[in-house]
Protein backbone atom coordinates (compact mmCIF):
# COMPACT_ATOMS: atom_id res chain seq x y z
CA MET A 1 45.69 -30.76 -17.18
CA ASP A 2 49.37 -31.71 -17.44
CA ARG A 3 50.32 -28.04 -17.13
CA ALA A 4 48.22 -27.66 -13.97
CA ASN A 5 49.87 -30.75 -12.46
CA SER A 6 53.25 -29.26 -13.33
CA TYR A 7 52.41 -26.04 -11.49
CA LEU A 8 51.24 -27.98 -8.45
CA LYS A 9 54.42 -30.04 -8.51
CA TRP A 10 56.65 -26.94 -8.53
CA LEU A 11 54.53 -25.35 -5.79
CA PHE A 12 54.96 -28.47 -3.65
CA VAL A 13 58.74 -28.41 -4.24
CA LEU A 14 58.85 -24.74 -3.20
CA LEU A 15 56.91 -25.44 0.00
CA VAL A 16 59.23 -28.32 0.87
CA PHE A 17 62.27 -26.09 0.21
CA VAL A 18 60.95 -23.33 2.48
CA ALA A 19 60.05 -25.81 5.21
CA ALA A 20 63.46 -27.46 5.03
CA ASN A 21 65.36 -24.21 5.24
CA GLU A 22 65.24 -21.20 7.53
CA LYS A 23 62.12 -19.19 7.60
CA VAL A 24 62.12 -16.18 5.28
CA ALA A 25 63.09 -13.18 7.41
CA GLU A 26 60.40 -10.64 8.14
CA ALA A 27 61.19 -6.97 8.69
CA ILE A 28 60.76 -5.52 12.18
CA GLU A 29 57.57 -3.55 12.76
CA ILE A 30 56.82 -0.33 14.63
CA HIS A 31 53.53 -0.56 16.53
CA ASP A 32 53.43 2.64 18.57
CA ILE A 33 55.13 6.02 18.87
CA ARG A 34 54.95 8.46 21.79
CA TRP A 35 55.75 12.13 21.19
CA GLY A 36 57.22 13.79 24.26
CA PHE A 37 55.61 13.29 27.66
CA ASN A 38 52.15 14.57 26.82
CA ASP A 39 51.64 13.08 23.32
CA ARG A 40 52.73 16.47 21.96
CA PRO A 41 56.33 17.75 22.03
CA THR A 42 57.27 21.07 23.61
CA ALA A 43 58.68 23.65 21.22
CA TYR A 44 62.33 24.74 21.48
CA HIS A 45 63.27 21.84 23.74
CA ILE A 46 64.77 18.38 23.58
CA ASN A 47 61.85 15.91 23.77
CA PRO A 48 61.85 12.13 24.19
CA VAL A 49 60.29 10.23 21.28
CA THR A 50 59.63 6.56 22.12
CA LEU A 51 58.97 3.79 19.58
CA LEU A 52 57.61 0.29 20.23
CA ILE A 53 59.44 -2.16 17.94
CA GLU A 54 58.42 -5.77 17.34
CA ASN A 55 60.53 -8.51 15.79
CA PRO A 56 58.16 -11.01 14.11
CA ASP A 57 61.01 -13.21 12.90
CA SER A 58 62.56 -16.31 14.47
CA GLU A 59 65.98 -14.67 14.20
CA PRO A 60 67.01 -11.82 16.54
CA PHE A 61 67.44 -8.32 15.16
CA GLU A 62 70.58 -6.41 16.05
CA GLY A 63 71.54 -3.20 14.31
CA GLU A 64 71.20 0.55 14.08
CA ILE A 65 67.83 2.26 13.75
CA GLN A 66 67.89 5.87 12.62
CA PHE A 67 65.31 8.58 13.23
CA HIS A 68 65.25 11.88 11.38
CA GLN A 69 62.91 14.59 10.19
CA GLU A 70 61.97 15.11 6.54
CA SER A 71 60.39 17.93 4.64
CA PHE A 72 57.11 17.26 2.86
CA ARG A 73 59.18 16.92 -0.32
CA GLY A 74 61.07 13.99 1.16
CA GLN A 75 64.32 15.83 1.92
CA GLN A 76 66.11 15.20 5.21
CA ILE A 77 66.12 17.99 7.79
CA ASP A 78 68.69 18.33 10.57
CA ILE A 79 70.84 15.39 11.65
CA ALA A 80 69.82 11.73 11.90
CA LEU A 81 69.53 10.30 15.42
CA SER A 82 70.82 6.77 15.73
CA THR A 83 70.67 4.01 18.31
CA ARG A 84 71.88 0.43 18.24
CA THR A 85 69.45 -2.10 19.67
CA TYR A 86 68.80 -5.82 20.05
CA VAL A 87 65.30 -7.31 19.74
CA ALA A 88 64.85 -11.00 20.52
CA PRO A 89 62.72 -13.22 18.25
CA PHE A 90 58.97 -12.55 18.55
CA GLU A 91 59.62 -9.90 21.20
CA LYS A 92 58.76 -6.20 21.53
CA LYS A 93 61.03 -3.44 22.77
CA TRP A 94 60.80 0.30 23.40
CA VAL A 95 63.48 2.48 21.77
CA GLN A 96 63.89 6.14 22.72
CA TYR A 97 65.33 9.14 20.86
CA TYR A 98 65.91 12.74 21.98
CA PRO A 99 65.33 15.14 19.05
CA TYR A 100 65.12 18.92 19.20
CA PHE A 101 61.75 20.39 18.19
CA SER A 102 61.04 23.90 16.99
CA ASP A 103 57.52 25.37 16.74
CA PHE A 104 56.26 23.38 13.73
CA ASN A 105 55.41 19.76 13.14
CA GLY A 106 56.93 17.67 10.42
CA ASN A 107 57.29 14.26 8.88
CA TRP A 108 59.65 11.94 10.76
CA VAL A 109 61.19 8.79 9.29
CA VAL A 110 62.46 5.63 11.00
CA SER A 111 64.92 3.66 8.87
CA TRP A 112 67.04 0.54 9.29
CA ASP A 113 68.93 -2.11 7.34
CA GLN A 114 67.83 -5.73 7.59
CA ASN A 115 69.05 -8.58 5.37
CA ASP A 116 70.76 -6.11 3.04
CA ILE A 117 67.46 -4.32 2.46
CA ARG A 118 66.77 -0.73 3.49
CA HIS A 119 63.46 -0.34 5.34
CA SER A 120 61.71 2.84 6.44
CA GLN A 121 58.46 4.02 7.98
CA SER A 122 57.11 7.57 8.21
CA PHE A 123 55.21 9.34 11.00
CA LEU A 124 53.61 12.77 11.10
CA ALA A 125 54.46 14.53 14.36
CA PRO A 126 51.77 16.54 16.18
CA ARG A 127 52.14 20.32 16.32
CA PRO A 128 54.48 21.27 19.23
CA VAL A 129 53.03 23.24 22.13
CA THR A 130 54.62 26.05 24.11
CA GLU A 131 53.73 24.70 27.55
CA LYS A 132 55.77 22.09 29.37
CA SER A 133 54.13 18.80 30.33
CA ILE A 134 52.31 17.76 33.50
CA ILE A 135 52.09 13.96 33.83
CA GLN A 136 51.23 11.18 36.23
CA LEU A 137 53.81 8.40 36.41
CA VAL A 138 52.13 4.98 36.36
CA THR A 139 53.34 1.39 36.42
CA PRO A 140 53.54 -0.32 32.99
CA GLY A 141 50.19 -1.63 31.85
CA SER A 142 48.38 -0.14 34.85
CA LEU A 143 44.96 1.37 34.18
CA ASN A 144 43.48 1.39 37.68
CA SER A 145 45.78 4.15 38.94
CA VAL A 146 45.26 6.51 36.00
CA THR A 147 43.68 9.80 37.06
CA SER A 148 41.11 11.41 34.80
CA GLY A 149 42.20 14.76 33.36
CA VAL A 150 45.96 14.08 33.72
CA LYS A 151 48.13 12.47 31.07
CA SER A 152 49.68 9.21 32.25
CA PHE A 153 53.24 8.23 31.39
CA PRO A 154 54.67 4.73 31.98
CA GLU A 155 57.51 4.85 34.47
CA ASP A 156 59.59 2.37 32.46
CA LEU A 157 59.71 4.92 29.61
CA TYR A 158 61.03 7.72 31.83
CA PRO A 159 64.32 8.87 30.21
CA SER A 160 67.51 7.57 31.77
CA VAL A 161 69.61 10.34 30.19
CA THR A 162 70.01 13.61 32.07
CA GLY A 163 68.83 16.53 29.95
CA ALA A 164 66.04 14.63 28.21
CA THR A 165 63.44 15.93 30.69
CA ASP A 166 63.66 19.69 29.99
CA ALA A 167 60.16 19.61 28.48
CA LEU A 168 58.70 18.22 31.72
CA GLN A 169 57.30 20.65 34.30
CA GLU A 170 55.36 18.63 36.93
CA ILE A 171 55.01 14.98 37.95
CA ILE A 172 52.25 13.41 40.02
CA LEU A 173 53.29 10.24 41.85
CA ASP A 174 51.49 7.88 44.26
CA HIS A 175 53.78 4.85 44.27
CA LEU A 176 57.46 3.91 44.39
CA PRO A 177 58.90 3.60 40.84
CA LYS A 178 61.00 0.52 40.14
CA TRP A 179 63.98 2.17 38.51
CA GLU A 180 67.63 1.34 37.99
CA LYS A 181 70.34 3.75 39.10
CA THR A 182 70.49 5.81 35.90
CA ARG A 183 66.75 6.62 35.93
CA ARG A 184 66.83 7.43 39.65
CA GLU A 185 69.67 9.87 39.07
CA ALA A 186 67.97 11.43 36.04
CA PHE A 187 64.77 11.83 38.09
CA MET A 188 66.55 13.57 40.98
CA ASP A 189 68.49 15.75 38.54
CA TRP A 190 65.18 16.82 36.99
CA ILE A 191 63.87 17.94 40.39
CA TYR A 192 67.07 19.83 41.19
CA SER A 193 66.93 21.61 37.83
CA GLY A 194 63.48 23.03 38.54
CA GLY A 195 61.01 20.17 38.42
CA ILE A 196 57.83 20.17 40.55
CA LEU A 197 56.95 16.84 42.18
CA HIS A 198 53.58 16.07 43.82
CA LEU A 199 53.59 13.06 46.15
CA PHE A 200 50.26 11.49 47.18
CA PHE A 201 49.35 8.60 49.49
CA ASP A 202 49.59 5.12 47.99
CA SER A 203 46.60 2.90 47.19
CA ASN A 204 46.42 1.82 50.87
CA GLY A 205 46.20 5.40 52.08
CA ASP A 206 49.76 5.43 53.51
CA PRO A 207 52.53 7.98 52.87
CA LEU A 208 55.14 6.85 50.38
CA SER A 209 58.32 5.40 51.86
CA PHE A 210 61.39 5.77 49.65
CA PRO A 211 64.80 4.05 49.92
CA ASP A 212 68.01 5.93 50.75
CA SER A 213 68.62 6.77 47.10
CA TYR A 214 65.53 9.05 47.33
CA ARG A 215 66.46 10.36 50.78
CA LEU A 216 65.04 13.83 50.18
CA LEU A 217 61.57 12.46 49.31
CA ASN A 218 61.05 11.11 52.84
CA GLN A 219 61.09 14.52 54.57
CA GLN A 220 57.27 14.88 54.60
CA THR A 221 57.69 18.65 55.16
CA SER A 222 55.66 20.37 52.49
CA PRO A 223 57.01 22.07 50.52
CA ALA A 224 60.57 20.71 50.46
CA PHE A 225 63.07 22.52 48.26
CA TYR A 226 65.80 20.81 46.30
CA GLY A 227 67.86 23.17 44.16
CA LYS A 228 65.40 24.98 41.89
CA GLY A 229 62.85 22.20 42.35
CA VAL A 230 59.96 21.79 44.79
CA ILE A 231 58.44 18.66 46.36
CA TYR A 232 54.87 18.75 47.71
CA PHE A 233 53.51 16.13 50.11
CA HIS A 234 49.72 15.91 49.75
CA GLN A 235 47.59 14.18 52.38
CA HIS A 236 45.26 12.58 49.85
CA LYS A 237 44.78 9.49 47.73
CA LEU A 238 44.55 10.18 44.03
CA THR A 239 41.52 7.93 43.70
CA ASP A 240 39.62 10.07 46.23
CA LEU A 241 39.98 13.26 44.17
CA SER A 242 37.96 14.38 41.19
CA PRO A 243 39.82 16.07 38.29
CA ALA A 244 38.68 19.50 39.52
CA GLU A 245 39.78 18.75 43.09
CA LEU A 246 43.14 17.47 41.86
CA ARG A 247 43.77 20.65 39.90
CA GLN A 248 42.90 22.71 42.96
CA VAL A 249 45.20 20.66 45.20
CA ILE A 250 48.27 20.85 42.97
CA ASN A 251 47.79 24.59 42.27
CA THR A 252 47.28 25.72 45.88
CA ASP A 253 50.14 27.54 47.66
CA LYS A 254 52.51 26.78 44.85
CA HIS A 255 56.05 28.11 45.26
CA TYR A 256 57.59 29.37 42.06
CA SER A 257 61.18 30.06 41.17
CA VAL A 258 60.12 33.49 39.94
CA THR A 259 57.26 35.90 40.62
CA PRO A 260 53.94 34.01 41.07
CA THR A 261 51.30 34.09 38.36
CA ARG A 262 48.78 36.91 38.25
CA GLU A 263 45.91 34.87 39.68
CA ILE A 264 47.82 33.68 42.75
CA GLU A 265 49.34 37.09 43.50
CA ASN A 266 45.95 38.75 43.18
CA GLN A 267 44.58 36.30 45.78
CA VAL A 268 47.43 37.15 48.15
CA THR A 269 47.58 40.94 47.70
CA GLY A 270 44.00 41.65 46.63
CA THR A 271 45.27 43.92 43.86
CA ASP A 272 45.31 43.65 40.11
CA VAL A 273 48.93 43.55 38.99
CA ALA A 274 49.63 44.38 35.36
CA TYR A 275 51.84 41.80 33.69
CA PRO A 276 53.22 41.98 30.17
CA SER A 277 51.89 39.40 27.80
CA LYS A 278 54.06 36.65 26.42
CA TYR A 279 54.11 38.48 23.10
CA GLU A 280 55.76 41.50 24.72
CA ASN A 281 58.47 39.22 26.07
CA ILE A 282 59.08 37.24 22.91
CA PHE A 283 62.27 39.21 22.19
CA TYR A 284 63.73 38.16 25.53
CA LYS A 285 63.53 34.50 24.63
CA ASN A 286 66.73 32.99 23.25
CA THR A 287 66.34 29.64 21.59
CA ASP A 288 69.21 27.24 21.09
CA GLU A 289 69.09 28.06 17.38
CA GLU A 290 69.68 31.77 18.06
CA LEU A 291 72.62 31.10 20.36
CA LEU A 292 74.24 28.81 17.82
CA ALA A 293 73.68 31.32 15.02
CA THR A 294 75.45 34.01 17.05
CA LEU A 295 78.43 31.76 17.73
CA THR A 296 78.59 31.02 14.02
CA GLU A 297 79.14 34.70 13.25
CA ILE A 298 82.21 34.58 15.50
CA SER A 299 83.82 31.32 14.45
CA LYS A 300 83.01 31.00 10.75
CA PRO A 301 85.83 31.65 8.23
CA GLN A 302 86.15 35.30 7.24
CA GLN A 303 86.89 35.63 3.51
CA ILE A 304 88.43 38.84 2.11
CA TRP A 305 85.70 39.15 -0.48
CA TYR A 306 86.62 42.60 -1.79
CA LEU A 307 90.15 41.38 -2.66
CA ILE A 308 88.74 38.31 -4.41
CA PHE A 309 86.32 40.50 -6.43
CA LEU A 310 89.16 42.89 -7.36
CA LEU A 311 91.34 40.01 -8.58
CA SER A 312 88.40 38.61 -10.56
CA PHE A 313 87.93 41.98 -12.26
CA ILE A 314 91.63 42.19 -13.13
CA TYR A 315 91.54 38.65 -14.52
CA LEU A 316 88.56 39.52 -16.75
CA ILE A 317 90.47 42.51 -18.15
CA ILE A 318 93.48 40.31 -18.93
CA VAL A 319 91.51 37.56 -20.64
CA GLY A 320 89.58 40.17 -22.62
CA PRO A 321 91.36 43.28 -23.95
CA VAL A 322 94.90 42.15 -23.09
CA TYR A 323 94.59 38.81 -24.87
CA TYR A 324 92.99 40.58 -27.84
CA LEU A 325 95.90 43.03 -28.15
CA ILE A 326 98.44 40.21 -27.88
CA THR A 327 96.81 38.21 -30.65
CA LYS A 328 96.53 41.33 -32.84
CA TYR A 329 100.07 42.64 -32.55
CA SER A 330 102.03 39.47 -31.82
CA GLU A 331 104.05 38.12 -34.75
CA HIS A 332 104.26 34.57 -33.38
CA TYR A 333 101.35 32.52 -32.08
CA ARG A 334 103.74 30.96 -29.55
CA THR A 335 103.85 34.32 -27.74
CA PHE A 336 100.08 34.24 -27.24
CA TYR A 337 100.07 30.72 -25.85
CA LEU A 338 103.01 31.50 -23.57
CA VAL A 339 101.32 34.61 -22.13
CA TYR A 340 98.01 32.78 -21.87
CA GLY A 341 99.51 29.79 -20.05
CA LEU A 342 101.67 31.81 -17.66
CA SER A 343 98.91 34.28 -16.75
CA THR A 344 96.37 31.51 -16.18
CA LEU A 345 98.82 29.62 -13.98
CA LEU A 346 99.69 32.78 -12.08
CA PHE A 347 96.07 33.64 -11.34
CA CYS A 348 95.35 30.05 -10.29
CA PHE A 349 98.05 30.34 -7.64
CA ILE A 350 96.85 33.81 -6.62
CA PHE A 351 93.23 32.67 -6.16
CA LEU A 352 94.38 29.56 -4.31
CA PHE A 353 96.56 31.62 -1.97
CA VAL A 354 93.91 34.29 -1.29
CA GLY A 355 91.11 31.77 -0.87
CA ARG A 356 93.11 29.71 1.58
CA TYR A 357 94.93 32.32 3.62
CA SER A 358 92.05 34.77 3.84
CA THR A 359 90.31 32.30 6.19
CA ASN A 360 91.16 31.00 9.63
CA GLN A 361 94.24 28.84 9.43
CA THR A 362 93.66 26.84 12.60
CA SER A 363 90.75 24.70 13.70
CA GLN A 364 88.89 26.63 16.38
CA ILE A 365 85.89 26.36 18.65
CA HIS A 366 83.79 28.97 20.43
CA SER A 367 81.57 27.74 23.23
CA LEU A 368 79.12 28.89 25.86
CA ILE A 369 78.52 26.59 28.83
CA VAL A 370 76.16 26.66 31.80
CA ALA A 371 77.31 24.26 34.53
CA ASP A 372 74.72 23.43 37.22
CA ILE A 373 76.52 22.10 40.29
CA LEU A 374 74.58 19.27 41.99
CA PRO A 375 74.77 18.49 45.73
CA ASN A 376 75.98 14.92 45.02
CA HIS A 377 79.32 16.21 43.68
CA LYS A 378 78.21 15.99 40.06
CA THR A 379 77.57 18.58 37.38
CA ILE A 380 75.04 19.04 34.58
CA ILE A 381 76.55 20.68 31.50
CA SER A 382 74.60 22.65 28.88
CA GLU A 383 76.85 23.63 25.99
CA TRP A 384 76.42 25.63 22.78
CA SER A 385 79.42 25.42 20.43
CA SER A 386 80.52 26.41 16.95
CA LEU A 387 83.40 24.35 15.57
CA GLY A 388 85.40 25.78 12.65
CA ILE A 389 87.48 23.34 10.62
CA VAL A 390 90.15 24.20 8.03
CA SER A 391 90.95 20.84 6.44
CA GLY A 392 87.43 19.45 6.39
CA GLY A 393 86.37 15.82 6.68
CA ASN A 394 84.20 13.48 8.72
CA PHE A 395 84.68 14.13 12.43
CA GLN A 396 83.54 12.45 15.62
CA ILE A 397 82.82 14.93 18.41
CA THR A 398 83.02 13.48 21.92
CA HIS A 399 83.17 14.88 25.46
CA THR A 400 83.96 13.54 28.89
CA GLY A 401 80.97 12.59 31.03
CA GLU A 402 78.54 9.88 32.15
CA SER A 403 75.72 10.62 29.69
CA HIS A 404 75.33 12.81 26.63
CA ILE A 405 72.73 14.29 24.31
CA TYR A 406 73.85 15.96 21.08
CA SER A 407 71.78 18.05 18.69
CA THR A 408 72.61 20.39 15.81
CA CYS A 409 69.28 22.27 16.12
CA GLN A 410 69.11 22.83 12.35
CA THR A 411 65.36 22.70 11.82
CA TYR A 412 65.53 24.00 8.24
CA SER A 413 68.52 22.32 6.60
CA LYS A 414 70.14 18.91 6.34
CA VAL A 415 73.20 17.94 8.36
CA ASN A 416 75.29 15.05 7.07
CA GLY A 417 75.96 12.83 10.04
CA ILE A 418 74.44 10.95 12.95
CA SER A 419 73.95 11.69 16.63
CA THR A 420 73.84 9.10 19.42
CA SER A 421 72.84 9.60 23.04
CA GLY A 422 73.65 7.94 26.33
CA LYS A 423 76.88 6.91 28.04
CA ASN A 424 78.81 6.63 24.78
CA GLY A 425 76.93 9.40 23.03
CA HIS A 426 78.76 11.28 20.29
CA LEU A 427 78.25 13.39 17.17
CA GLN A 428 79.53 11.98 13.87
CA VAL A 429 79.33 14.81 11.35
CA ASP A 430 80.76 15.88 7.99
CA ILE A 431 82.36 19.35 7.94
CA PRO A 432 83.52 20.73 4.55
CA PRO A 433 86.93 22.51 4.26
CA ASN A 434 87.01 26.05 5.65
CA SER A 435 83.58 25.53 7.15
CA PHE A 436 81.94 25.14 10.55
CA ARG A 437 79.42 23.08 12.46
CA THR A 438 77.32 24.21 15.41
CA PHE A 439 75.94 21.82 18.02
CA PHE A 440 74.09 21.73 21.35
CA HIS A 441 75.33 19.31 24.01
CA ARG A 442 73.90 18.18 27.36
CA ALA A 443 76.02 16.05 29.68
CA ARG A 444 76.31 14.79 33.24
CA ILE A 445 79.80 14.50 34.65
CA SER A 446 80.84 12.82 37.91
CA LYS A 447 82.73 15.78 39.27
CA SER A 448 81.86 18.95 41.15
CA LEU A 449 83.45 21.91 39.38
CA LEU A 450 82.78 24.43 42.14
CA ASP A 451 82.81 24.24 45.92
CA VAL A 452 81.99 27.03 48.41
CA ASN A 453 80.74 27.17 51.99
CA LEU A 454 78.42 29.82 53.40
CA VAL A 455 80.10 31.73 56.26
CA SER A 456 77.78 34.64 56.91
CA PHE A 457 74.59 36.02 55.43
CA LEU A 458 72.59 39.10 56.39
CA ALA A 459 69.60 40.62 54.63
CA ASN A 460 66.86 43.15 55.33
CA GLU A 461 63.68 44.26 53.61
CA THR A 462 65.64 46.07 50.89
CA GLY A 463 67.90 43.16 50.00
CA LEU A 464 71.32 41.80 50.82
CA GLU A 465 73.45 43.52 53.48
CA ALA A 466 76.41 41.19 53.91
CA LEU A 467 77.59 37.91 52.46
CA SER A 468 80.79 35.91 52.74
CA LEU A 469 81.62 32.49 51.28
CA ASP A 470 84.69 30.33 51.82
CA LEU A 471 86.28 28.97 48.66
CA GLY A 472 86.65 25.18 48.57
CA LYS A 473 89.27 23.10 46.83
CA GLU A 474 87.15 22.88 43.68
CA PHE A 475 86.97 26.49 42.56
CA PRO A 476 87.53 27.54 38.94
CA ARG A 477 90.51 29.47 37.70
CA SER A 478 90.51 32.38 35.25
CA VAL A 479 87.40 33.86 36.90
CA GLU A 480 85.92 36.85 35.09
CA GLN A 481 83.07 37.87 37.42
CA VAL A 482 81.20 36.53 40.46
CA HIS A 483 77.56 37.37 41.23
CA PHE A 484 74.91 36.36 43.74
CA VAL A 485 71.19 36.34 42.97
CA PHE A 486 68.87 37.07 45.87
CA GLY A 487 65.41 38.61 45.91
CA SER A 488 64.92 41.05 43.04
CA LYS A 489 68.60 41.93 42.60
CA ILE A 490 71.89 40.48 41.43
CA TYR A 491 74.88 41.35 43.62
CA GLU A 492 78.54 41.56 42.61
CA LEU A 493 81.07 39.66 44.74
CA GLN A 494 84.84 40.06 45.04
CA ILE A 495 87.52 37.45 45.82
CA GLU A 496 89.43 38.44 48.95
CA ARG A 497 91.75 36.14 50.92
CA ASN A 498 90.21 32.89 49.78
CA GLN A 499 86.69 34.24 50.31
CA LEU A 500 83.88 35.71 48.26
CA ILE A 501 82.73 39.00 49.77
CA TYR A 502 79.79 41.21 48.84
CA SER A 503 81.34 44.42 47.46
CA GLY A 504 78.31 46.70 47.76
CA LYS A 505 77.50 46.77 44.02
CA SER A 506 74.15 45.46 42.79
CA ARG A 507 71.59 45.88 40.05
CA ARG A 508 67.99 44.85 39.52
CA LEU A 509 67.27 41.53 37.84
CA TYR A 510 64.54 42.80 35.51
CA PRO A 511 66.67 45.13 33.30
CA LEU A 512 69.38 42.47 33.06
CA LEU A 513 66.97 39.74 31.99
CA THR A 514 65.42 41.95 29.31
CA GLU A 515 68.74 42.60 27.60
CA ASN A 516 69.27 40.63 24.40
CA PRO A 517 72.64 41.09 22.68
CA LEU A 518 71.57 38.70 19.92
CA PHE A 519 69.34 41.44 18.51
CA ASP A 520 72.18 43.94 18.35
CA THR A 521 72.35 45.44 14.86
CA SER A 522 76.01 44.52 14.44
CA TYR A 523 74.97 40.88 14.14
CA ILE A 524 72.25 41.34 11.55
CA ARG A 525 73.37 44.41 9.55
CA THR A 526 74.23 43.72 5.90
CA ASN A 527 75.69 45.79 3.11
CA ARG A 528 72.85 47.61 1.32
CA LEU A 529 74.31 47.20 -2.18
CA LEU A 530 75.83 43.72 -1.87
CA PRO A 531 74.19 41.82 1.02
CA PHE A 532 76.65 38.94 0.68
CA VAL A 533 79.70 41.25 0.95
CA ARG A 534 80.48 42.88 4.29
CA PRO A 535 84.03 44.28 3.89
CA THR A 536 83.44 47.13 6.35
CA ASP A 537 82.07 44.94 9.13
CA LYS A 538 84.38 44.30 12.04
CA LYS A 539 84.71 40.64 13.00
CA GLN A 540 82.62 39.96 16.08
CA GLU A 541 84.63 39.40 19.24
CA PHE A 542 83.93 36.91 21.97
CA THR A 543 83.29 39.14 24.98
CA LEU A 544 81.58 38.69 28.31
CA GLU A 545 79.30 41.70 27.84
CA GLN A 546 77.65 40.09 24.80
CA PHE A 547 76.62 36.88 26.52
CA PHE A 548 76.34 37.65 30.24
CA PRO A 549 72.55 38.38 30.18
CA ILE A 550 71.92 35.25 28.12
CA LEU A 551 73.96 33.02 30.44
CA VAL A 552 72.21 34.41 33.52
CA ARG A 553 68.74 33.99 32.02
CA THR A 554 69.57 30.44 30.91
CA SER A 555 70.92 29.54 34.34
CA LEU A 556 67.90 30.93 36.21
CA LYS A 557 65.54 29.23 33.73
CA VAL A 558 63.11 32.13 33.83
CA PRO A 559 60.21 31.63 31.39
CA PRO A 560 59.79 34.57 28.98
CA ASP A 561 56.23 35.26 30.17
CA SER A 562 57.50 35.56 33.76
CA ILE A 563 59.92 38.42 33.08
CA ASN A 564 58.32 41.51 34.60
CA GLN A 565 59.06 44.44 36.88
CA ASN A 566 58.19 42.42 40.00
CA ILE A 567 60.39 39.42 39.27
CA ASN A 568 61.78 38.03 42.50
CA TRP A 569 64.09 35.14 43.36
CA PRO A 570 62.85 33.00 46.30
CA ASP A 571 64.06 34.07 49.75
CA HIS A 572 64.77 30.52 50.91
CA ARG A 573 67.84 30.26 48.68
CA GLY A 574 70.38 32.27 46.76
CA LYS A 575 72.23 31.45 43.58
CA LEU A 576 75.96 31.89 43.13
CA LEU A 577 77.00 32.66 39.54
CA VAL A 578 80.69 32.41 38.67
CA ILE A 579 81.74 33.32 35.15
CA ALA A 580 85.11 32.09 33.96
CA LYS A 581 86.98 30.83 30.93
CA ILE A 582 86.13 27.26 29.96
CA PRO A 583 88.68 24.76 31.32
CA GLU A 584 90.43 22.43 28.91
CA SER A 585 88.61 19.37 30.30
CA LEU A 586 85.19 20.62 29.13
CA PHE A 587 86.13 21.18 25.51
CA PRO A 588 85.60 18.25 23.09
CA GLU A 589 87.99 15.34 23.51
CA THR A 590 87.87 14.82 19.75
CA PRO A 591 88.64 16.18 17.21
CA ASN A 592 91.96 17.96 17.84
CA ILE A 593 91.29 21.70 18.03
CA PHE A 594 94.10 24.24 18.18
CA LYS A 595 92.23 27.38 19.22
CA LYS A 596 89.69 27.06 22.02
CA GLU A 597 87.75 29.98 23.40
CA GLY A 598 84.63 30.17 25.51
CA LEU A 599 82.81 31.30 28.62
CA ILE A 600 81.32 29.12 31.33
CA LEU A 601 78.82 30.11 33.98
CA TYR A 602 78.95 27.96 37.11
CA SER A 603 75.55 27.91 38.83
CA PHE A 604 75.44 26.88 42.48
CA ASP A 605 72.32 26.98 44.70
CA ILE A 606 72.93 28.03 48.31
CA PRO A 607 70.15 27.27 50.87
CA LEU A 608 69.38 30.24 53.10
CA SER A 609 66.64 28.77 55.34
CA GLU A 610 65.65 25.60 57.15
CA HIS A 611 63.81 24.54 53.98
CA GLY A 612 67.01 24.39 51.92
CA GLY A 613 68.03 21.16 50.30
């Protein structure tokens, strides 16, 4: 009985102590996770992943929360994405990441430090799909406006970072979103980059009226073109349409950036057109991983392996027969130790010299960039880079711009470092000595890198007859080639007296888009006897011919299953493609890199009809 009273006494003391002091901190909790826009990510794209975090403690939480993929054995894959956030006591907050997904699902881990304790929680991602998402934007917590058969997506979770919406194809909207400036700009950038927007009447049956920041959305002329994007104005209320009627409405008279689908063309022409399947076009598809792997072959250190193997063989002969003969015929043991010490020291210096000076002696970077010029004097940058470092160390990679997304696209191996997105986005990564690191970068910069004005344009049923463009103040230097895409052809332009003039040379788009230099045997050939030794291989050079088809296909954003003999660029606009050397301002601000080499393709849409935007 006395022992029981003693236990009760100590329990009472403990309760008084807890009540008199601060409440024991509870770890934050993750209540929900959204994969992409359609509850399933799109393969080979950057996808938004959104987490709902709750702080059940009376103290606020402020710190970094990391998100990374793991193998089923618990090993980290790729780089960890990190964001710093603040969650008030007893509040919930959405946190968004922008990882790169390949074609398989995996285990993803959220981890954070709280009160000197490491916490983590795992989630199994759904299998990625190949199709981009079609969603209806709805107000937060709204269920009345959700349309059956279409995935709804809360407007407050729409990404505010340009480049995070590449996995989004179409948006259905029947109200005015309440967005801050960054989301408005990201939304308009998505349309310009090829998004399809369907606008319906509001709940009162009235057309939507947008403020000046959405000026283009008030035209009410359907369809309205904005860059590669299309806006449709439908004379219906969403609530008046059944799922089947909605599908029919949004798929009728659809204008595509490339040749229409088989079903629509058959309705128009009444003929059965043979299209290649997506499996026939799989070799025309270049993923970010393939581009980065190709750049790696150019920028990675090139060791003189055959010289190293020869020196190793000579060293083995010396430490074997030579040392044996010295010990057998030498009269003094000091002679053996002297020869042994001097020869070992000599070969140490030889291996050190060969190992160091057989590689690149300067930090270097090789990059490919596609720069989409926006009409608001801003530019969207898509960059693929391979950074070779001699000294090694932990480096922070940063670029100029308003917003950034970084990814290493290493879906099979671990990358030591973290990636952050947004205005101050950067890549913090460890690079060993004489090694390299590849990365993919999306950015939005507040500057127009190219400026031209249409002077004259003449075309007939066979294609372009004449074209002249005045060069503006913002026109790149070190121009390699200039092309103009119109109809089913790509035309070569020449610079003459501060103008771009059609020179009479052209070629069809289809053969160009089917070229794939990444599958050239010089990139994948290995030595038959020693696969890891390639002494006869010539170091790959960074040339325009290797990457021109890839840059054009990336700029046009042509889906692989749309590449066919009848591919045709819309007649209401043309696309100016200027290929040049990358200017200094677009290379990383940090770290310091001595050798910089790369190609940039400036992509500029030129309206050719009254529908142009």
